[in-house]
Protein backbone atom coordinates (compact mmCIF):
# COMPACT_ATOMS: atom_id res chain seq x y z
CA UNK A 1 -29.77 -28.07 16.39
CA UNK A 2 -30.77 -27.84 20.03
CA UNK A 3 -34.46 -27.42 20.93
CA UNK A 4 -35.26 -25.95 24.32
CA UNK A 5 -38.62 -27.19 25.63
CA UNK A 6 -40.00 -25.32 28.63
CA UNK A 7 -42.80 -26.58 30.88
CA UNK A 8 -44.16 -24.27 33.56
CA UNK A 9 -46.36 -25.75 36.23
CA UNK A 10 -47.97 -25.31 39.62
CA UNK A 11 -49.97 -27.92 41.51
CA UNK A 12 -50.16 -30.10 38.40
CA UNK A 13 -49.82 -33.56 39.96
CA UNK A 14 -52.62 -35.03 37.82
CA UNK A 15 -51.18 -33.99 34.42
CA UNK A 16 -47.45 -33.24 34.71
CA UNK A 17 -46.37 -36.87 34.28
CA UNK A 18 -47.90 -37.20 30.82
CA UNK A 19 -46.42 -33.87 29.74
CA UNK A 20 -42.92 -34.85 30.89
CA UNK A 21 -43.05 -38.33 29.34
CA UNK A 22 -44.18 -36.89 26.00
CA UNK A 23 -40.92 -34.91 25.97
CA UNK A 24 -38.44 -37.47 27.25
CA UNK A 25 -39.80 -40.13 24.87
CA UNK A 26 -39.04 -38.05 21.78
CA UNK A 27 -36.90 -39.76 19.15
CA UNK A 28 -34.88 -36.56 18.67
CA UNK A 29 -32.04 -36.42 21.19
CA UNK A 30 -30.74 -32.85 21.19
CA UNK A 31 -33.43 -31.50 23.51
CA UNK A 32 -32.87 -29.22 26.46
CA UNK A 33 -35.81 -29.77 28.80
CA UNK A 34 -36.48 -27.05 31.36
CA UNK A 35 -39.20 -27.27 34.03
CA UNK A 36 -40.19 -24.21 36.05
CA UNK A 37 -42.41 -24.97 39.01
CA UNK A 38 -44.24 -22.28 40.97
CA UNK A 39 -43.51 -23.88 44.37
CA UNK A 40 -46.28 -26.47 44.14
CA UNK A 41 -47.98 -27.66 47.32
CA UNK A 42 -49.18 -31.01 45.96
CA UNK A 43 -47.06 -33.91 44.64
CA UNK A 44 -45.89 -32.07 41.51
CA UNK A 45 -42.32 -31.63 42.72
CA UNK A 46 -42.10 -35.29 43.73
CA UNK A 47 -43.18 -36.36 40.25
CA UNK A 48 -40.72 -33.99 38.56
CA UNK A 49 -37.92 -35.33 40.75
CA UNK A 50 -38.64 -38.86 39.51
CA UNK A 51 -37.58 -37.72 36.02
CA UNK A 52 -34.68 -35.47 37.04
CA UNK A 53 -32.12 -37.51 35.05
CA UNK A 54 -34.07 -36.62 31.87
CA UNK A 55 -34.52 -32.93 32.74
CA UNK A 56 -31.75 -30.48 31.90
CA UNK A 57 -32.78 -27.87 34.46
CA UNK A 58 -35.65 -27.44 36.85
CA UNK A 59 -36.43 -24.87 39.48
CA UNK A 60 -39.18 -24.59 42.04
CA UNK A 61 -39.89 -21.20 43.56
CA UNK A 62 -42.78 -18.75 43.91
CA UNK A 63 -43.69 -16.70 40.84
CA UNK A 64 -46.14 -13.95 39.96
CA UNK A 65 -47.97 -15.90 37.27
CA UNK A 66 -47.59 -18.17 34.28
CA UNK A 67 -45.77 -15.62 32.11
CA UNK A 68 -43.31 -14.80 34.87
CA UNK A 69 -42.51 -18.52 34.96
CA UNK A 70 -42.25 -18.70 31.16
CA UNK A 71 -39.83 -15.77 31.12
CA UNK A 72 -37.70 -17.54 33.73
CA UNK A 73 -37.55 -20.52 31.40
CA UNK A 74 -36.50 -18.35 28.46
CA UNK A 75 -33.62 -16.90 30.47
CA UNK A 76 -32.42 -20.42 31.31
CA UNK A 77 -32.66 -21.70 27.74
CA UNK A 78 -29.52 -22.30 25.65
CA UNK A 79 -31.10 -23.94 22.61
CA UNK A 80 -31.52 -22.62 19.08
CA UNK A 81 -35.32 -22.70 19.22
CA UNK A 82 -37.67 -22.41 22.20
CA UNK A 83 -40.95 -24.26 22.58
CA UNK A 84 -43.47 -24.14 25.46
CA UNK A 85 -45.39 -27.22 26.56
CA UNK A 86 -47.95 -26.57 29.29
CA UNK A 87 -48.17 -28.98 32.20
CA UNK A 88 -51.66 -30.19 31.17
CA UNK A 89 -50.69 -30.63 27.50
CA UNK A 90 -48.51 -33.17 25.74
CA UNK A 91 -46.67 -33.65 22.46
CA UNK A 92 -48.87 -35.59 20.07
CA UNK A 93 -46.38 -38.39 19.36
CA UNK A 94 -42.72 -39.33 19.79
CA UNK A 95 -41.60 -37.95 16.41
CA UNK A 96 -42.86 -34.37 16.75
CA UNK A 97 -39.51 -32.72 17.50
CA UNK A 98 -37.62 -34.76 14.92
CA UNK A 99 -40.13 -33.74 12.25
CA UNK A 100 -39.94 -30.07 13.22
CA UNK A 101 -36.14 -30.15 13.15
CA UNK A 102 -36.16 -31.80 9.73
CA UNK A 103 -38.37 -28.98 8.46
CA UNK A 104 -36.14 -26.31 10.02
CA UNK A 105 -33.02 -27.81 8.46
CA UNK A 106 -34.67 -27.39 5.06
CA UNK A 107 -35.77 -23.83 5.98
CA UNK A 108 -32.68 -22.21 7.51
CA UNK A 109 -34.14 -18.68 7.39
CA UNK A 110 -37.19 -19.54 9.47
CA UNK A 111 -37.55 -17.45 12.65
CA UNK A 112 -40.92 -18.69 13.89
CA UNK A 113 -42.54 -21.98 12.94
CA UNK A 114 -46.02 -23.07 14.01
CA UNK A 115 -48.24 -26.04 13.33
CA UNK A 116 -51.64 -27.50 14.14
CA UNK A 117 -53.01 -28.13 17.60
CA UNK A 118 -55.38 -30.72 19.00
CA UNK A 119 -57.80 -29.03 21.40
CA UNK A 120 -59.52 -31.43 23.78
CA UNK A 121 -62.04 -31.51 26.57
CA UNK A 122 -63.48 -34.47 28.46
CA UNK A 123 -65.66 -35.54 25.54
CA UNK A 124 -64.22 -34.28 22.26
CA UNK A 125 -61.04 -33.54 20.35
CA UNK A 126 -60.92 -30.78 17.73
CA UNK A 127 -58.15 -29.97 15.27
CA UNK A 128 -57.11 -26.31 15.38
CA UNK A 129 -55.52 -25.38 12.08
CA UNK A 130 -54.06 -21.85 12.11
CA UNK A 131 -53.78 -19.75 8.93
CA UNK A 132 -50.90 -19.19 6.57
CA UNK A 133 -48.47 -16.44 7.71
CA UNK A 134 -50.00 -13.77 5.48
CA UNK A 135 -53.41 -14.34 7.11
CA UNK A 136 -52.33 -14.30 10.76
CA UNK A 137 -53.34 -10.69 11.44
CA UNK A 138 -56.82 -11.26 10.02
CA UNK A 139 -57.10 -14.44 12.07
CA UNK A 140 -56.07 -12.71 15.29
CA UNK A 141 -58.75 -10.04 15.12
CA UNK A 142 -60.85 -12.52 17.08
CA UNK A 143 -58.74 -15.69 17.24
CA UNK A 144 -55.42 -16.59 18.78
CA UNK A 145 -52.31 -18.30 17.51
CA UNK A 146 -51.41 -21.60 19.23
CA UNK A 147 -48.34 -21.00 21.37
CA UNK A 148 -48.47 -24.73 22.26
CA UNK A 149 -47.65 -25.40 18.59
CA UNK A 150 -45.09 -22.61 18.05
CA UNK A 151 -41.27 -22.74 17.99
CA UNK A 152 -39.32 -19.46 17.97
CA UNK A 153 -35.62 -18.76 17.65
CA UNK A 154 -33.95 -17.72 20.87
CA UNK A 155 -32.80 -14.46 19.29
CA UNK A 156 -36.44 -13.56 18.56
CA UNK A 157 -36.98 -13.26 22.30
CA UNK A 158 -33.63 -11.52 22.76
CA UNK A 159 -34.32 -8.97 20.04
CA UNK A 160 -38.05 -8.34 20.35
CA UNK A 161 -38.72 -8.98 24.01
CA UNK A 162 -40.13 -11.54 26.41
CA UNK A 163 -43.74 -11.97 27.50
CA UNK A 164 -45.41 -8.89 28.97
CA UNK A 165 -46.08 -9.88 32.58
CA UNK A 166 -48.71 -7.17 33.00
CA UNK A 167 -51.06 -9.62 31.30
CA UNK A 168 -52.22 -12.58 33.39
CA UNK A 169 -53.90 -14.56 30.59
CA UNK A 170 -53.12 -13.23 27.10
CA UNK A 171 -49.44 -12.24 27.17
CA UNK A 172 -48.88 -14.76 24.39
CA UNK A 173 -51.42 -12.88 22.23
CA UNK A 174 -49.60 -9.61 22.91
CA UNK A 175 -46.30 -11.33 22.07
CA UNK A 176 -47.57 -12.50 18.67
CA UNK A 177 -48.99 -9.05 17.88
CA UNK A 178 -45.71 -7.42 18.84
CA UNK A 179 -43.74 -9.70 16.49
CA UNK A 180 -46.18 -9.22 13.62
CA UNK A 181 -45.34 -5.54 13.32
CA UNK A 182 -41.82 -6.49 12.13
CA UNK A 183 -41.75 -7.47 8.48
CA UNK A 184 -38.25 -8.94 8.71
CA UNK A 185 -39.40 -11.89 10.88
CA UNK A 186 -39.72 -15.02 8.76
CA UNK A 187 -42.85 -17.02 9.71
CA UNK A 188 -43.48 -20.60 8.54
CA UNK A 189 -46.60 -22.73 8.84
CA UNK A 190 -45.82 -26.44 9.15
CA UNK A 191 -48.95 -28.53 8.47
CA UNK A 192 -48.37 -31.02 11.24
CA UNK A 193 -50.18 -31.46 14.57
CA UNK A 194 -47.71 -30.62 17.32
CA UNK A 195 -49.48 -31.12 20.64
CA UNK A 196 -52.71 -31.89 22.43
CA UNK A 197 -54.06 -28.92 24.35
CA UNK A 198 -56.48 -29.01 27.33
CA UNK A 199 -59.39 -26.61 26.94
CA UNK A 200 -60.01 -26.21 30.67
CA UNK A 201 -57.09 -23.84 31.18
CA UNK A 202 -57.01 -20.39 32.73
CA UNK A 203 -58.30 -18.59 29.62
CA UNK A 204 -61.55 -20.58 29.65
CA UNK A 205 -62.20 -20.23 33.38
CA UNK A 206 -62.45 -16.41 33.46
CA UNK A 207 -63.82 -15.34 30.09
CA UNK A 208 -64.49 -11.76 31.25
CA UNK A 209 -60.87 -11.17 32.26
CA UNK A 210 -59.63 -13.02 29.18
CA UNK A 211 -61.60 -10.83 26.77
CA UNK A 212 -60.76 -7.67 28.70
CA UNK A 213 -57.04 -8.38 28.37
CA UNK A 214 -57.54 -9.54 24.78
CA UNK A 215 -59.11 -6.22 23.72
CA UNK A 216 -56.44 -4.30 25.60
CA UNK A 217 -53.69 -6.18 23.73
CA UNK A 218 -55.40 -5.49 20.40
CA UNK A 219 -56.15 -1.83 21.08
CA UNK A 220 -52.54 -1.11 22.03
CA UNK A 221 -50.86 -3.25 19.36
CA UNK A 222 -48.93 -1.10 16.90
CA UNK A 223 -49.70 -3.48 14.06
CA UNK A 224 -53.45 -2.81 14.39
CA UNK A 225 -53.21 0.96 14.40
CA UNK A 226 -54.54 2.88 11.41
CA UNK A 227 -57.82 3.43 9.61
CA UNK A 228 -57.47 0.31 7.47
CA UNK A 229 -57.29 -2.03 10.44
CA UNK A 230 -60.02 -0.12 12.29
CA UNK A 231 -62.35 -0.92 9.41
CA UNK A 232 -61.24 -4.57 9.20
CA UNK A 233 -61.73 -5.09 12.91
CA UNK A 234 -65.12 -3.36 12.86
CA UNK A 235 -66.34 -5.55 9.99
CA UNK A 236 -65.06 -8.64 11.76
CA UNK A 237 -66.87 -7.73 14.98
CA UNK A 238 -70.06 -7.07 13.01
CA UNK A 239 -69.79 -10.52 11.44
CA UNK A 240 -69.28 -12.04 14.88
CA UNK A 241 -72.30 -10.21 16.32
CA UNK A 242 -74.41 -11.35 13.37
CA UNK A 243 -73.23 -14.93 13.85
CA UNK A 244 -74.15 -14.97 17.54
CA UNK A 245 -77.50 -13.31 16.85
CA UNK A 246 -78.26 -16.02 14.27
CA UNK A 247 -77.20 -18.69 16.76
CA UNK A 248 -79.41 -17.09 19.41
CA UNK A 249 -82.42 -17.06 17.07
CA UNK A 250 -81.75 -20.64 16.07
CA UNK A 251 -81.48 -21.61 19.73
CA UNK A 252 -84.77 -19.84 20.51
CA UNK A 253 -86.46 -21.60 17.58
CA UNK A 254 -85.12 -24.97 18.71
CA UNK A 255 -86.24 -24.26 22.27
CA UNK A 256 -89.71 -23.35 21.03
CA UNK A 257 -89.92 -26.56 18.99
CA UNK A 258 -88.67 -28.52 21.97
CA UNK A 259 -91.27 -26.86 24.19
CA UNK A 260 -94.04 -27.65 21.67
CA UNK A 261 -92.89 -31.27 21.41
CA UNK A 262 -92.76 -31.51 25.18
CA UNK A 263 -96.30 -30.16 25.50
CA UNK A 264 -97.53 -32.69 22.92
CA UNK A 265 -95.75 -35.49 24.74
CA UNK A 266 -97.27 -34.37 28.06
CA UNK A 267 -100.75 -34.35 26.50
CA UNK A 268 -100.21 -37.84 25.11
CA UNK A 269 -98.93 -38.99 28.48
CA UNK A 270 -101.94 -37.53 30.28
CA UNK A 271 -104.30 -39.23 27.78
CA UNK A 272 -102.49 -42.53 28.34
CA UNK A 273 -102.75 -42.07 32.11
CA UNK A 274 -106.50 -41.42 31.81
CA UNK A 275 -106.89 -44.54 29.66
CA UNK A 276 -104.99 -46.63 32.22
CA UNK A 277 -107.15 -45.23 35.05
CA UNK A 278 -110.33 -46.03 33.10
CA UNK A 279 -109.08 -49.54 32.40
CA UNK A 280 -108.21 -50.01 36.06
CA UNK A 281 -111.70 -48.85 37.06
CA UNK A 282 -113.29 -51.22 34.55
CA UNK A 283 -111.21 -54.14 35.81
CA UNK A 284 -112.11 -53.25 39.40
CA UNK A 285 -115.84 -53.16 38.55
CA UNK A 286 -115.62 -56.53 36.80
CA UNK A 287 -113.81 -58.03 39.78
CA UNK A 288 -116.45 -56.67 42.13
CA UNK A 289 -119.21 -58.16 39.95
CA UNK A 290 -117.46 -61.53 39.92
CA UNK A 291 -117.14 -61.48 43.71
CA UNK A 292 -120.82 -60.56 44.02
CA UNK A 293 -121.80 -63.34 41.66
CA UNK A 294 -119.72 -65.90 43.50
CA UNK A 295 -121.44 -65.05 46.80
CA UNK A 296 -124.98 -65.11 45.35
CA UNK A 297 -127.47 -68.04 45.51
CA UNK A 298 -127.61 -67.96 41.71
CA UNK A 299 -123.91 -68.84 41.56
CA UNK A 300 -124.49 -71.69 44.03
CA UNK A 301 -127.43 -72.97 41.95
CA UNK A 302 -125.23 -72.69 38.86
CA UNK A 303 -122.55 -74.76 40.55
CA UNK A 304 -125.17 -77.25 41.71
CA UNK A 305 -126.49 -77.52 38.17
CA UNK A 306 -123.06 -78.45 36.78
CA UNK A 307 -122.72 -81.05 39.47
CA UNK A 308 -126.10 -82.52 38.54
CA UNK A 309 -124.67 -83.16 35.10
CA UNK A 310 -122.42 -85.70 36.82
CA UNK A 311 -124.84 -88.27 38.27
CA UNK A 312 -122.35 -89.96 40.51
CA UNK A 313 -121.64 -86.66 42.26
CA UNK A 314 -125.39 -86.19 42.85
CA UNK A 315 -125.68 -89.40 44.79
CA UNK A 316 -122.50 -88.80 46.80
CA UNK A 317 -123.21 -85.21 47.82
CA UNK A 318 -126.38 -84.24 49.75
CA UNK A 319 -128.39 -81.48 48.04
CA UNK A 320 -128.57 -79.49 51.26
CA UNK A 321 -124.83 -79.48 51.55
CA UNK A 322 -124.43 -78.21 48.00
CA UNK A 323 -126.70 -75.26 48.65
CA UNK A 324 -125.11 -74.24 51.97
């Protein structure tokens, strides 16, 4: 069984190496690796060229967007299943493809298989666990299936279409929704983490455009048409609004508590500052009194008195000199 892995990239010099190495280090050997570069202007092409003996095909030319590049990769693929690995993502370990193939061998009627995804940012890693096949439509009312953890038969693309290039960010969402209207497609969930996914991608950089395209894909999807789904989507959106309202209230409450604590801390700080100032003033007054005492005749008489207590000093030191 041949697995076609497609990586599309553009100006990805900081991440492409890890993505490529996660593929070429797989223990499974029957992999067709295709890299589609959007005519990068940094060192991406140089890095790809370093691994050319491990890459089945790679092209570098201008494209109209990520899904245009992905469709190019599909047209080049000759494997039994197609999988997309983004240039800033990587397969979780060296046995991923072997494990997926083992599962597919035991499930010969599977058309689309998907697993878990590790979502990461600079500080945290979160496991994304998608639903069972019968729950996908409910999940996608507000969520998205992980295309970085999905393998689809080549004939699924041939029969049901490629990615809709009218979308710049959510063509994968539209692709899933298009497939879900066909009941003859056999979906399988494989409870294994497939890849690590970077959260700072295009979909997180322009949330307004992302959601605009997302709603467009949902509103035009045949699978979501009908009164039943209108009600389900409405209820889901109401739950989401309620959730964010609760989070907003909680945030306001926490901010108020934080503000109150800050005011208390400021008051305590001001009281401490006043105490320090008072102590400084007291110390300064004492020092001034000591200086005044040391320069007074009383202090000299006091010193003379202590010297008188030592008779030998009395006879060696003239009294006049002691009082000067």
